[in-house]
Amino acid sequence: MKLESSKRKRVIILLSPIIVILLGFITATGFSRFIDGWAWIPLAIVYWSSLGFCIVYFKENKQVKDWLKKPENSILPIILSLLLGMFPLSILIINYKLFDSIVLIVLWILFALINPWFEELYWRGVLLDAAIEWFPKWMSILYTTILFVLSHPLMWGVFSIASTSYHLYIYLIVMGIVWSLTYFKTKSLRWVILSHFIVDVGNLTVLTFLNIYVPPIM
């Protein structure tokens, strides 16, 4: 009976991204009708809350500190994660003057500080751990990465032009794979979260949500 309950719970975990994305889509669609790009704030609250619920409810015997333990030495994936994570910093360097108010700067920094924790503990933590129990490693990485990528246009892309760029999808696919491999190799999310933080700093998150920054190719 306990084994069946465990299997049922794992199925729910694997299907949970669909619910998370659906909740995000409904929130983004509803609020964007009234406050346009500022819908990113209620979306972030709903999104992080749903991820937090999944992390707490589905972690089973694992503690958050287990995902954040001291990483095992695996130089190549760590270097690759950090180098690829720094790629968007060129966007920041070129467009830093778009931050024309303290409010935007504070919101941008807050998002970059908070978002990587929730996303990595869920996508590369809870979800990837559950997937690897049922599927080969490559399939688990593919499954979690595809849903991670789709979450961007289906949630943030409702009001953000930049979040519908196919260039972004390619980059997210690469990062999703690299972050997953880094987690597997180091047995920790520390370097992954740091890399994700750098990405969120470099890609001007809040400015893209408000369409203050739109990639030149769009």
N, C-alpha and C. Protein backbone atom coordinates (compact mmCIF):
# COMPACT_ATOMS: atom_id res chain seq x y z
N MET A 1 0.84 -1.20 0.00
CA MET A 1 0.00 0.00 0.00
C MET A 1 0.87 1.25 0.00
N LYS A 2 1.91 1.26 0.81
CA LYS A 2 2.82 2.38 0.91
C LYS A 2 3.57 2.58 -0.40
N LEU A 3 3.92 1.45 -1.05
CA LEU A 3 4.63 1.52 -2.33
C LEU A 3 3.74 2.14 -3.40
N GLU A 4 2.45 1.76 -3.41
CA GLU A 4 1.52 2.32 -4.37
C GLU A 4 1.34 3.82 -4.14
N SER A 5 1.30 4.22 -2.87
CA SER A 5 1.16 5.64 -2.53
C SER A 5 2.38 6.42 -3.01
N SER A 6 3.55 5.82 -2.87
CA SER A 6 4.79 6.47 -3.31
C SER A 6 4.81 6.65 -4.83
N LYS A 7 4.35 5.62 -5.55
CA LYS A 7 4.28 5.69 -7.01
C LYS A 7 3.30 6.76 -7.46
N ARG A 8 2.18 6.82 -6.78
CA ARG A 8 1.15 7.80 -7.12
C ARG A 8 1.67 9.22 -6.89
N LYS A 9 2.41 9.39 -5.81
CA LYS A 9 2.96 10.70 -5.49
C LYS A 9 4.00 11.11 -6.53
N ARG A 10 4.79 10.14 -7.00
CA ARG A 10 5.80 10.46 -8.01
C ARG A 10 5.16 10.86 -9.33
N VAL A 11 4.04 10.21 -9.66
CA VAL A 11 3.31 10.60 -10.88
C VAL A 11 2.81 12.03 -10.75
N ILE A 12 2.31 12.39 -9.58
CA ILE A 12 1.82 13.74 -9.34
C ILE A 12 2.96 14.75 -9.48
N ILE A 13 4.14 14.38 -8.96
CA ILE A 13 5.31 15.26 -9.07
C ILE A 13 5.64 15.51 -10.54
N LEU A 14 5.64 14.43 -11.33
CA LEU A 14 6.01 14.55 -12.74
C LEU A 14 4.99 15.35 -13.54
N LEU A 15 3.74 15.36 -13.07
CA LEU A 15 2.69 16.12 -13.75
C LEU A 15 2.54 17.53 -13.19
N SER A 16 3.19 17.79 -12.06
CA SER A 16 3.04 19.09 -11.39
C SER A 16 3.44 20.29 -12.25
N PRO A 17 4.44 20.17 -13.17
CA PRO A 17 4.77 21.34 -14.00
C PRO A 17 3.59 21.85 -14.81
N ILE A 18 2.74 20.94 -15.25
CA ILE A 18 1.57 21.34 -16.05
C ILE A 18 0.65 22.22 -15.22
N ILE A 19 0.45 21.84 -13.95
CA ILE A 19 -0.40 22.62 -13.06
C ILE A 19 0.25 23.96 -12.75
N VAL A 20 1.56 23.94 -12.48
CA VAL A 20 2.29 25.18 -12.17
C VAL A 20 2.20 26.16 -13.34
N ILE A 21 2.45 25.65 -14.54
CA ILE A 21 2.42 26.50 -15.74
C ILE A 21 1.00 27.01 -16.00
N LEU A 22 0.00 26.16 -15.81
CA LEU A 22 -1.40 26.56 -16.02
C LEU A 22 -1.79 27.68 -15.05
N LEU A 23 -1.43 27.52 -13.78
CA LEU A 23 -1.71 28.57 -12.80
C LEU A 23 -1.03 29.88 -13.19
N GLY A 24 0.23 29.75 -13.66
CA GLY A 24 0.97 30.94 -14.08
C GLY A 24 0.33 31.60 -15.28
N PHE A 25 -0.11 30.80 -16.24
CA PHE A 25 -0.74 31.34 -17.45
C PHE A 25 -2.03 32.08 -17.10
N ILE A 26 -2.85 31.48 -16.25
CA ILE A 26 -4.11 32.11 -15.85
C ILE A 26 -3.85 33.43 -15.14
N THR A 27 -2.86 33.42 -14.24
CA THR A 27 -2.51 34.65 -13.50
C THR A 27 -2.00 35.73 -14.44
N ALA A 28 -1.08 35.35 -15.33
CA ALA A 28 -0.50 36.32 -16.27
C ALA A 28 -1.56 36.89 -17.20
N THR A 29 -2.43 36.03 -17.71
CA THR A 29 -3.48 36.46 -18.64
C THR A 29 -4.48 37.39 -17.95
N GLY A 30 -4.88 37.02 -16.75
CA GLY A 30 -5.87 37.82 -16.02
C GLY A 30 -5.35 39.20 -15.64
N PHE A 31 -4.18 39.24 -15.04
CA PHE A 31 -3.65 40.51 -14.55
C PHE A 31 -3.12 41.40 -15.67
N SER A 32 -2.60 40.82 -16.76
CA SER A 32 -2.04 41.64 -17.83
C SER A 32 -3.11 42.46 -18.54
N ARG A 33 -4.36 42.06 -18.43
CA ARG A 33 -5.46 42.83 -19.04
C ARG A 33 -5.64 44.17 -18.35
N PHE A 34 -5.22 44.24 -17.07
CA PHE A 34 -5.43 45.47 -16.30
C PHE A 34 -4.15 46.25 -16.03
N ILE A 35 -3.03 45.53 -15.86
CA ILE A 35 -1.80 46.23 -15.49
C ILE A 35 -0.64 45.92 -16.43
N ASP A 36 -0.94 45.36 -17.59
CA ASP A 36 0.07 45.09 -18.62
C ASP A 36 1.27 44.33 -18.04
N GLY A 37 2.47 44.83 -18.30
CA GLY A 37 3.68 44.13 -17.89
C GLY A 37 3.88 44.00 -16.39
N TRP A 38 3.20 44.87 -15.63
CA TRP A 38 3.31 44.78 -14.17
C TRP A 38 2.63 43.51 -13.64
N ALA A 39 2.00 42.78 -14.54
CA ALA A 39 1.43 41.48 -14.15
C ALA A 39 2.52 40.52 -13.70
N TRP A 40 3.79 40.87 -13.97
CA TRP A 40 4.89 39.99 -13.56
C TRP A 40 4.94 39.85 -12.04
N ILE A 41 4.46 40.86 -11.31
CA ILE A 41 4.52 40.79 -9.84
C ILE A 41 3.54 39.75 -9.29
N PRO A 42 2.24 39.83 -9.62
CA PRO A 42 1.34 38.75 -9.15
C PRO A 42 1.73 37.39 -9.72
N LEU A 43 2.25 37.37 -10.95
CA LEU A 43 2.68 36.10 -11.52
C LEU A 43 3.83 35.52 -10.71
N ALA A 44 4.81 36.34 -10.37
CA ALA A 44 5.94 35.87 -9.58
C ALA A 44 5.48 35.32 -8.23
N ILE A 45 4.52 36.01 -7.60
CA ILE A 45 4.01 35.56 -6.30
C ILE A 45 3.33 34.20 -6.43
N VAL A 46 2.47 34.05 -7.43
CA VAL A 46 1.76 32.78 -7.64
C VAL A 46 2.75 31.68 -8.03
N TYR A 47 3.67 32.00 -8.93
CA TYR A 47 4.65 31.03 -9.42
C TYR A 47 5.55 30.54 -8.30
N TRP A 48 6.13 31.46 -7.54
CA TRP A 48 7.01 31.06 -6.44
C TRP A 48 6.25 30.31 -5.35
N SER A 49 5.00 30.72 -5.11
CA SER A 49 4.20 30.03 -4.09
C SER A 49 3.92 28.59 -4.51
N SER A 50 3.59 28.38 -5.79
CA SER A 50 3.31 27.03 -6.27
C SER A 50 4.57 26.18 -6.26
N LEU A 51 5.70 26.78 -6.63
CA LEU A 51 6.97 26.04 -6.58
C LEU A 51 7.33 25.71 -5.13
N GLY A 52 7.13 26.68 -4.24
CA GLY A 52 7.42 26.46 -2.82
C GLY A 52 6.57 25.34 -2.24
N PHE A 53 5.30 25.32 -2.62
CA PHE A 53 4.42 24.24 -2.16
C PHE A 53 4.93 22.89 -2.64
N CYS A 54 5.30 22.81 -3.91
CA CYS A 54 5.81 21.54 -4.48
C CYS A 54 7.09 21.11 -3.78
N ILE A 55 7.97 22.06 -3.51
CA ILE A 55 9.25 21.74 -2.85
C ILE A 55 9.00 21.16 -1.47
N VAL A 56 8.13 21.80 -0.72
CA VAL A 56 7.84 21.35 0.66
C VAL A 56 7.07 20.04 0.66
N TYR A 57 6.06 19.94 -0.20
CA TYR A 57 5.17 18.78 -0.18
C TYR A 57 5.82 17.53 -0.79
N PHE A 58 6.66 17.72 -1.81
CA PHE A 58 7.20 16.58 -2.54
C PHE A 58 8.64 16.22 -2.18
N LYS A 59 9.25 16.92 -1.26
CA LYS A 59 10.65 16.64 -0.95
C LYS A 59 10.84 15.32 -0.21
N GLU A 60 9.75 14.80 0.34
CA GLU A 60 9.76 13.53 1.08
C GLU A 60 10.81 13.56 2.18
N ASN A 61 11.78 12.62 2.18
CA ASN A 61 12.76 12.56 3.26
C ASN A 61 13.95 13.50 3.04
N LYS A 62 13.95 14.18 1.91
CA LYS A 62 15.06 15.06 1.59
C LYS A 62 14.82 16.44 2.19
N GLN A 63 15.88 17.05 2.70
CA GLN A 63 15.80 18.40 3.22
C GLN A 63 16.41 19.38 2.22
N VAL A 64 16.01 20.63 2.29
CA VAL A 64 16.55 21.64 1.38
C VAL A 64 18.07 21.71 1.49
N LYS A 65 18.57 21.53 2.70
CA LYS A 65 20.02 21.60 2.90
C LYS A 65 20.75 20.48 2.16
N ASP A 66 20.04 19.39 1.87
CA ASP A 66 20.66 18.28 1.12
C ASP A 66 20.96 18.70 -0.32
N TRP A 67 20.10 19.56 -0.89
CA TRP A 67 20.34 20.06 -2.25
C TRP A 67 21.41 21.15 -2.26
N LEU A 68 21.66 21.72 -1.08
CA LEU A 68 22.61 22.83 -1.00
C LEU A 68 23.91 22.45 -0.30
N LYS A 69 24.15 21.16 -0.17
CA LYS A 69 25.36 20.70 0.52
C LYS A 69 26.61 21.08 -0.28
N LYS A 70 27.75 20.92 0.34
CA LYS A 70 29.01 21.25 -0.32
C LYS A 70 29.14 20.43 -1.61
N PRO A 71 29.38 21.10 -2.74
CA PRO A 71 29.44 20.39 -4.03
C PRO A 71 30.66 19.48 -4.13
N GLU A 72 30.49 18.37 -4.81
CA GLU A 72 31.63 17.53 -5.14
C GLU A 72 32.41 18.19 -6.27
N ASN A 73 33.72 17.99 -6.27
CA ASN A 73 34.55 18.63 -7.29
C ASN A 73 34.29 18.02 -8.67
N SER A 74 33.86 18.88 -9.56
CA SER A 74 33.65 18.48 -10.96
C SER A 74 33.84 19.75 -11.79
N ILE A 75 35.08 20.03 -12.10
CA ILE A 75 35.47 21.33 -12.62
C ILE A 75 34.77 21.72 -13.92
N LEU A 76 34.71 20.80 -14.88
CA LEU A 76 34.19 21.14 -16.20
C LEU A 76 32.75 21.65 -16.17
N PRO A 77 31.80 20.91 -15.57
CA PRO A 77 30.43 21.42 -15.57
C PRO A 77 30.28 22.72 -14.78
N ILE A 78 31.07 22.88 -13.72
CA ILE A 78 31.01 24.13 -12.94
C ILE A 78 31.46 25.31 -13.79
N ILE A 79 32.59 25.15 -14.45
CA ILE A 79 33.11 26.23 -15.31
C ILE A 79 32.13 26.53 -16.44
N LEU A 80 31.58 25.47 -17.04
CA LEU A 80 30.63 25.64 -18.14
C LEU A 80 29.38 26.38 -17.66
N SER A 81 28.89 26.02 -16.48
CA SER A 81 27.70 26.68 -15.92
C SER A 81 27.95 28.16 -15.71
N LEU A 82 29.11 28.49 -15.16
CA LEU A 82 29.41 29.89 -14.87
C LEU A 82 29.66 30.70 -16.13
N LEU A 83 30.37 30.09 -17.08
CA LEU A 83 30.67 30.81 -18.33
C LEU A 83 29.39 31.08 -19.13
N LEU A 84 28.55 30.06 -19.27
CA LEU A 84 27.30 30.24 -19.99
C LEU A 84 26.37 31.19 -19.24
N GLY A 85 26.45 31.14 -17.90
CA GLY A 85 25.63 32.04 -17.09
C GLY A 85 26.01 33.49 -17.28
N MET A 86 27.28 33.73 -17.58
CA MET A 86 27.76 35.10 -17.76
C MET A 86 27.44 35.68 -19.13
N PHE A 87 26.98 34.84 -20.04
CA PHE A 87 26.70 35.28 -21.40
C PHE A 87 25.74 36.47 -21.46
N PRO A 88 24.63 36.46 -20.69
CA PRO A 88 23.69 37.59 -20.76
C PRO A 88 24.23 38.89 -20.16
N LEU A 89 25.36 38.83 -19.45
CA LEU A 89 25.89 40.05 -18.84
C LEU A 89 26.21 41.12 -19.89
N SER A 90 26.46 40.68 -21.12
CA SER A 90 26.72 41.64 -22.20
C SER A 90 25.48 42.50 -22.45
N ILE A 91 24.28 41.92 -22.25
CA ILE A 91 23.03 42.67 -22.41
C ILE A 91 22.96 43.77 -21.36
N LEU A 92 23.33 43.42 -20.13
CA LEU A 92 23.31 44.39 -19.04
C LEU A 92 24.31 45.52 -19.30
N ILE A 93 25.50 45.17 -19.72
CA ILE A 93 26.55 46.18 -19.96
C ILE A 93 26.12 47.19 -21.03
N ILE A 94 25.46 46.69 -22.06
CA ILE A 94 25.05 47.56 -23.17
C ILE A 94 23.83 48.41 -22.82
N ASN A 95 22.95 47.85 -21.96
CA ASN A 95 21.65 48.51 -21.73
C ASN A 95 21.43 48.98 -20.29
N TYR A 96 22.48 49.12 -19.51
CA TYR A 96 22.32 49.47 -18.10
C TYR A 96 21.62 50.82 -17.90
N LYS A 97 21.70 51.72 -18.90
CA LYS A 97 21.09 53.05 -18.77
C LYS A 97 19.56 52.99 -18.79
N LEU A 98 19.01 51.84 -19.16
CA LEU A 98 17.55 51.69 -19.14
C LEU A 98 16.99 51.67 -17.73
N PHE A 99 17.86 51.40 -16.75
CA PHE A 99 17.43 51.45 -15.35
C PHE A 99 17.40 52.92 -14.92
N ASP A 100 16.28 53.56 -15.15
CA ASP A 100 16.19 55.00 -14.90
C ASP A 100 15.47 55.35 -13.60
N SER A 101 15.26 54.33 -12.75
CA SER A 101 14.64 54.61 -11.45
C SER A 101 15.13 53.60 -10.41
N ILE A 102 15.13 54.04 -9.17
CA ILE A 102 15.55 53.18 -8.07
C ILE A 102 14.60 51.99 -7.93
N VAL A 103 13.31 52.22 -8.18
CA VAL A 103 12.30 51.16 -8.06
C VAL A 103 12.65 49.99 -8.98
N LEU A 104 12.98 50.30 -10.24
CA LEU A 104 13.33 49.26 -11.20
C LEU A 104 14.57 48.49 -10.77
N ILE A 105 15.55 49.22 -10.25
CA ILE A 105 16.79 48.58 -9.81
C ILE A 105 16.53 47.63 -8.65
N VAL A 106 15.73 48.10 -7.68
CA VAL A 106 15.41 47.27 -6.50
C VAL A 106 14.64 46.02 -6.91
N LEU A 107 13.63 46.18 -7.76
CA LEU A 107 12.82 45.04 -8.20
C LEU A 107 13.66 44.05 -9.00
N TRP A 108 14.54 44.56 -9.85
CA TRP A 108 15.43 43.71 -10.66
C TRP A 108 16.34 42.87 -9.76
N ILE A 109 16.93 43.51 -8.75
CA ILE A 109 17.83 42.80 -7.84
C ILE A 109 17.06 41.78 -7.01
N LEU A 110 15.89 42.17 -6.51
CA LEU A 110 15.08 41.26 -5.69
C LEU A 110 14.69 40.02 -6.49
N PHE A 111 14.28 40.22 -7.74
CA PHE A 111 13.90 39.08 -8.57
C PHE A 111 15.09 38.14 -8.76
N ALA A 112 16.26 38.72 -9.04
CA ALA A 112 17.46 37.90 -9.28
C ALA A 112 17.89 37.15 -8.03
N LEU A 113 17.63 37.73 -6.86
CA LEU A 113 18.01 37.08 -5.60
C LEU A 113 17.04 35.96 -5.20
N ILE A 114 15.76 36.12 -5.53
CA ILE A 114 14.74 35.17 -5.09
C ILE A 114 14.51 34.04 -6.09
N ASN A 115 14.35 34.40 -7.36
CA ASN A 115 13.92 33.44 -8.38
C ASN A 115 14.78 32.18 -8.51
N PRO A 116 16.12 32.30 -8.54
CA PRO A 116 16.94 31.09 -8.73
C PRO A 116 16.72 30.02 -7.67
N TRP A 117 16.43 30.42 -6.43
CA TRP A 117 16.24 29.45 -5.36
C TRP A 117 15.00 28.59 -5.61
N PHE A 118 13.89 29.25 -5.89
CA PHE A 118 12.65 28.52 -6.13
C PHE A 118 12.74 27.66 -7.39
N GLU A 119 13.26 28.25 -8.48
CA GLU A 119 13.30 27.50 -9.74
C GLU A 119 14.24 26.31 -9.68
N GLU A 120 15.41 26.49 -9.12
CA GLU A 120 16.37 25.38 -9.09
C GLU A 120 15.98 24.29 -8.11
N LEU A 121 15.46 24.66 -6.95
CA LEU A 121 15.02 23.65 -5.99
C LEU A 121 13.85 22.82 -6.55
N TYR A 122 13.08 23.44 -7.44
CA TYR A 122 11.97 22.70 -8.06
C TYR A 122 12.39 21.98 -9.32
N TRP A 123 12.84 22.73 -10.36
CA TRP A 123 13.12 22.13 -11.67
C TRP A 123 14.29 21.16 -11.64
N ARG A 124 15.40 21.56 -11.03
CA ARG A 124 16.57 20.69 -10.99
C ARG A 124 16.65 19.90 -9.68
N GLY A 125 15.79 20.22 -8.71
CA GLY A 125 15.79 19.50 -7.45
C GLY A 125 14.67 18.47 -7.40
N VAL A 126 13.50 18.89 -6.96
CA VAL A 126 12.36 17.99 -6.78
C VAL A 126 11.99 17.24 -8.06
N LEU A 127 11.81 17.98 -9.16
CA LEU A 127 11.32 17.36 -10.39
C LEU A 127 12.35 16.42 -11.02
N LEU A 128 13.60 16.87 -11.09
CA LEU A 128 14.64 16.03 -11.70
C LEU A 128 14.89 14.78 -10.86
N ASP A 129 14.86 14.93 -9.54
CA ASP A 129 15.04 13.77 -8.66
C ASP A 129 13.93 12.74 -8.86
N ALA A 130 12.70 13.22 -9.06
CA ALA A 130 11.57 12.31 -9.27
C ALA A 130 11.67 11.64 -10.64
N ALA A 131 12.06 12.42 -11.65
CA ALA A 131 12.14 11.88 -13.02
C ALA A 131 13.21 10.79 -13.13
N ILE A 132 14.31 10.98 -12.43
CA ILE A 132 15.43 10.04 -12.55
C ILE A 132 15.08 8.68 -11.94
N GLU A 133 14.04 8.65 -11.10
CA GLU A 133 13.60 7.39 -10.51
C GLU A 133 12.87 6.52 -11.52
N TRP A 134 12.33 7.15 -12.56
CA TRP A 134 11.52 6.43 -13.53
C TRP A 134 12.15 6.34 -14.91
N PHE A 135 12.95 7.35 -15.27
CA PHE A 135 13.48 7.42 -16.63
C PHE A 135 15.00 7.39 -16.63
N PRO A 136 15.60 7.08 -17.78
CA PRO A 136 17.06 7.20 -17.91
C PRO A 136 17.47 8.66 -17.68
N LYS A 137 18.73 8.87 -17.35
CA LYS A 137 19.20 10.22 -17.01
C LYS A 137 18.94 11.21 -18.15
N TRP A 138 19.23 10.79 -19.39
CA TRP A 138 19.08 11.73 -20.52
C TRP A 138 17.62 12.11 -20.72
N MET A 139 16.72 11.16 -20.50
CA MET A 139 15.29 11.44 -20.67
C MET A 139 14.79 12.36 -19.55
N SER A 140 15.31 12.16 -18.36
CA SER A 140 14.93 13.01 -17.22
C SER A 140 15.35 14.44 -17.46
N ILE A 141 16.56 14.61 -17.97
CA ILE A 141 17.06 15.95 -18.27
C ILE A 141 16.22 16.59 -19.36
N LEU A 142 15.90 15.81 -20.39
CA LEU A 142 15.11 16.32 -21.50
C LEU A 142 13.71 16.73 -21.03
N TYR A 143 13.09 15.89 -20.23
CA TYR A 143 11.73 16.15 -19.74
C TYR A 143 11.67 17.43 -18.92
N THR A 144 12.55 17.54 -17.93
CA THR A 144 12.52 18.72 -17.06
C THR A 144 12.93 19.98 -17.81
N THR A 145 13.87 19.86 -18.74
CA THR A 145 14.33 21.03 -19.49
C THR A 145 13.26 21.56 -20.43
N ILE A 146 12.57 20.67 -21.13
CA ILE A 146 11.52 21.09 -22.06
C ILE A 146 10.41 21.84 -21.32
N LEU A 147 9.98 21.31 -20.19
CA LEU A 147 8.93 21.97 -19.42
C LEU A 147 9.42 23.29 -18.83
N PHE A 148 10.68 23.32 -18.41
CA PHE A 148 11.27 24.56 -17.90
C PHE A 148 11.28 25.63 -18.98
N VAL A 149 11.65 25.25 -20.19
CA VAL A 149 11.68 26.19 -21.31
C VAL A 149 10.27 26.67 -21.65
N LEU A 150 9.31 25.74 -21.71
CA LEU A 150 7.93 26.09 -22.06
C LEU A 150 7.29 27.02 -21.04
N SER A 151 7.74 26.95 -19.79
CA SER A 151 7.15 27.81 -18.76
C SER A 151 7.37 29.28 -19.06
N HIS A 152 8.42 29.61 -19.78
CA HIS A 152 8.73 31.02 -20.05
C HIS A 152 7.74 31.67 -21.03
N PRO A 153 7.53 31.12 -22.23
CA PRO A 153 6.55 31.76 -23.11
C PRO A 153 5.12 31.63 -22.62
N LEU A 154 4.80 30.53 -21.93
CA LEU A 154 3.43 30.30 -21.50
C LEU A 154 3.05 31.10 -20.26
N MET A 155 4.05 31.63 -19.55
CA MET A 155 3.76 32.48 -18.39
C MET A 155 4.25 33.91 -18.64
N TRP A 156 5.56 34.10 -18.60
CA TRP A 156 6.13 35.44 -18.78
C TRP A 156 5.85 35.97 -20.19
N GLY A 157 5.78 35.08 -21.16
CA GLY A 157 5.56 35.48 -22.54
C GLY A 157 4.17 36.03 -22.82
N VAL A 158 3.26 35.89 -21.88
CA VAL A 158 1.91 36.44 -22.04
C VAL A 158 1.97 37.97 -22.20
N PHE A 159 2.93 38.60 -21.48
CA PHE A 159 3.03 40.07 -21.53
C PHE A 159 4.43 40.56 -21.93
N SER A 160 5.41 39.66 -21.96
CA SER A 160 6.78 40.06 -22.27
C SER A 160 7.19 39.61 -23.66
N ILE A 161 7.51 40.57 -24.53
CA ILE A 161 7.91 40.25 -25.90
C ILE A 161 9.20 39.43 -25.90
N ALA A 162 10.16 39.80 -25.06
CA ALA A 162 11.45 39.12 -25.02
C ALA A 162 11.32 37.65 -24.64
N SER A 163 10.30 37.32 -23.86
CA SER A 163 10.10 35.94 -23.40
C SER A 163 9.52 35.04 -24.48
N THR A 164 9.26 35.59 -25.66
CA THR A 164 8.76 34.78 -26.77
C THR A 164 9.81 34.62 -27.87
N SER A 165 11.04 34.99 -27.56
CA SER A 165 12.12 34.91 -28.55
C SER A 165 12.64 33.48 -28.69
N TYR A 166 12.78 33.00 -29.91
CA TYR A 166 13.31 31.65 -30.11
C TYR A 166 14.78 31.57 -29.70
N HIS A 167 15.48 32.72 -29.73
CA HIS A 167 16.86 32.75 -29.24
C HIS A 167 16.90 32.42 -27.74
N LEU A 168 15.90 32.93 -27.03
CA LEU A 168 15.79 32.64 -25.60
C LEU A 168 15.56 31.16 -25.38
N TYR A 169 14.71 30.54 -26.20
CA TYR A 169 14.42 29.12 -26.03
C TYR A 169 15.69 28.28 -26.21
N ILE A 170 16.48 28.63 -27.21
CA ILE A 170 17.73 27.90 -27.47
C ILE A 170 18.66 28.02 -26.27
N TYR A 171 18.78 29.25 -25.77
CA TYR A 171 19.66 29.49 -24.62
C TYR A 171 19.16 28.72 -23.39
N LEU A 172 17.85 28.75 -23.15
CA LEU A 172 17.29 28.05 -22.00
C LEU A 172 17.46 26.54 -22.10
N ILE A 173 17.36 26.00 -23.31
CA ILE A 173 17.58 24.57 -23.50
C ILE A 173 19.02 24.20 -23.12
N VAL A 174 19.95 25.01 -23.59
CA VAL A 174 21.37 24.77 -23.28
C VAL A 174 21.60 24.87 -21.78
N MET A 175 21.07 25.94 -21.17
CA MET A 175 21.28 26.13 -19.74
C MET A 175 20.59 25.05 -18.92
N GLY A 176 19.39 24.64 -19.33
CA GLY A 176 18.68 23.59 -18.60
C GLY A 176 19.47 22.29 -18.59
N ILE A 177 20.07 21.97 -19.72
CA ILE A 177 20.88 20.74 -19.82
C ILE A 177 22.15 20.88 -18.98
N VAL A 178 22.83 22.01 -19.11
CA VAL A 178 24.08 22.24 -18.38
C VAL A 178 23.83 22.26 -16.88
N TRP A 179 22.78 22.94 -16.44
CA TRP A 179 22.48 22.99 -15.01
C TRP A 179 22.13 21.61 -14.47
N SER A 180 21.41 20.81 -15.26
CA SER A 180 21.07 19.45 -14.83
C SER A 180 22.32 18.60 -14.68
N LEU A 181 23.21 18.69 -15.67
CA LEU A 181 24.47 17.92 -15.62
C LEU A 181 25.34 18.37 -14.45
N THR A 182 25.36 19.68 -14.20
CA THR A 182 26.14 20.20 -13.08
C THR A 182 25.60 19.67 -11.76
N TYR A 183 24.28 19.60 -11.64
CA TYR A 183 23.67 19.05 -10.44
C TYR A 183 24.04 17.58 -10.27
N PHE A 184 23.97 16.81 -11.34
CA PHE A 184 24.31 15.40 -11.27
C PHE A 184 25.77 15.19 -10.90
N LYS A 185 26.65 16.01 -11.48
CA LYS A 185 28.08 15.83 -11.26
C LYS A 185 28.53 16.30 -9.88
N THR A 186 27.96 17.40 -9.39
CA THR A 186 28.40 17.97 -8.12
C THR A 186 27.56 17.49 -6.94
N LYS A 187 26.40 16.88 -7.24
CA LYS A 187 25.45 16.42 -6.20
C LYS A 187 24.95 17.58 -5.34
N SER A 188 24.95 18.77 -5.92
CA SER A 188 24.54 19.97 -5.19
C SER A 188 24.00 21.00 -6.17
N LEU A 189 23.15 21.91 -5.65
CA LEU A 189 22.59 22.97 -6.49
C LEU A 189 23.29 24.31 -6.27
N ARG A 190 24.34 24.32 -5.48
CA ARG A 190 24.99 25.60 -5.16
C ARG A 190 25.46 26.34 -6.40
N TRP A 191 26.24 25.68 -7.24
CA TRP A 191 26.79 26.33 -8.43
C TRP A 191 25.69 26.63 -9.44
N VAL A 192 24.69 25.79 -9.47
CA VAL A 192 23.57 25.98 -10.39
C VAL A 192 22.80 27.25 -10.01
N ILE A 193 22.53 27.42 -8.73
CA ILE A 193 21.81 28.60 -8.26
C ILE A 193 22.63 29.86 -8.53
N LEU A 194 23.94 29.80 -8.30
CA LEU A 194 24.80 30.96 -8.58
C LEU A 194 24.76 31.31 -10.06
N SER A 195 24.87 30.31 -10.92
CA SER A 195 24.81 30.56 -12.36
C SER A 195 23.47 31.15 -12.76
N HIS A 196 22.40 30.63 -12.18
CA HIS A 196 21.05 31.13 -12.49
C HIS A 196 20.91 32.58 -12.03
N PHE A 197 21.49 32.91 -10.89
CA PHE A 197 21.46 34.28 -10.39
C PHE A 197 22.15 35.23 -11.38
N ILE A 198 23.30 34.82 -11.87
CA ILE A 198 24.03 35.64 -12.84
C ILE A 198 23.20 35.84 -14.10
N VAL A 199 22.53 34.78 -14.54
CA VAL A 199 21.66 34.88 -15.73
C VAL A 199 20.54 35.90 -15.49
N ASP A 200 19.88 35.82 -14.34
CA ASP A 200 18.77 36.72 -14.06
C ASP A 200 19.24 38.17 -13.90
N VAL A 201 20.46 38.36 -13.46
CA VAL A 201 21.03 39.70 -13.39
C VAL A 201 21.31 40.23 -14.79
N GLY A 202 21.90 39.38 -15.62
CA GLY A 202 22.33 39.82 -16.94
C GLY A 202 21.21 40.03 -17.95
N ASN A 203 20.12 39.26 -17.83
CA ASN A 203 19.09 39.36 -18.88
C ASN A 203 18.02 40.41 -18.61
N LEU A 204 18.27 41.29 -17.61
CA LEU A 204 17.40 42.44 -17.36
C LEU A 204 15.94 42.05 -17.10
N THR A 205 15.74 40.99 -16.35
CA THR A 205 14.42 40.40 -16.14
C THR A 205 13.26 41.39 -16.06
N VAL A 206 13.29 42.28 -15.08
CA VAL A 206 12.17 43.19 -14.87
C VAL A 206 11.97 44.11 -16.08
N LEU A 207 13.06 44.54 -16.69
CA LEU A 207 12.95 45.40 -17.87
C LEU A 207 12.32 44.67 -19.05
N THR A 208 12.61 43.37 -19.16
CA THR A 208 11.99 42.60 -20.25
C THR A 208 10.52 42.35 -19.96
N PHE A 209 10.17 42.15 -18.69
CA PHE A 209 8.76 41.94 -18.33
C PHE A 209 7.93 43.16 -18.69
N LEU A 210 8.51 44.35 -18.49
CA LEU A 210 7.80 45.60 -18.74
C LEU A 210 7.98 46.08 -20.18
N ASN A 211 8.71 45.29 -20.97
CA ASN A 211 9.00 45.63 -22.37
C ASN A 211 9.75 46.95 -22.51
N ILE A 212 10.48 47.31 -21.46
CA ILE A 212 11.39 48.46 -21.54
C ILE A 212 12.60 48.06 -22.38
N TYR A 213 12.98 46.80 -22.21
CA TYR A 213 14.03 46.24 -23.07
C TYR A 213 13.42 45.14 -23.94
N VAL A 214 13.57 45.29 -25.25
CA VAL A 214 13.14 44.28 -26.21
C VAL A 214 14.35 43.94 -27.07
N PRO A 215 14.70 42.67 -27.20
CA PRO A 215 15.87 42.29 -28.02
C PRO A 215 15.78 42.89 -29.42
N PRO A 216 16.88 43.39 -29.94
CA PRO A 216 16.89 44.04 -31.26
C PRO A 216 16.38 43.14 -32.39
N ILE A 217 16.51 41.82 -32.20
CA ILE A 217 16.11 40.89 -33.26
C ILE A 217 14.61 40.75 -33.36
N MET A 218 13.85 41.35 -32.41
CA MET A 218 12.40 41.15 -32.38
C MET A 218 11.68 42.41 -32.91
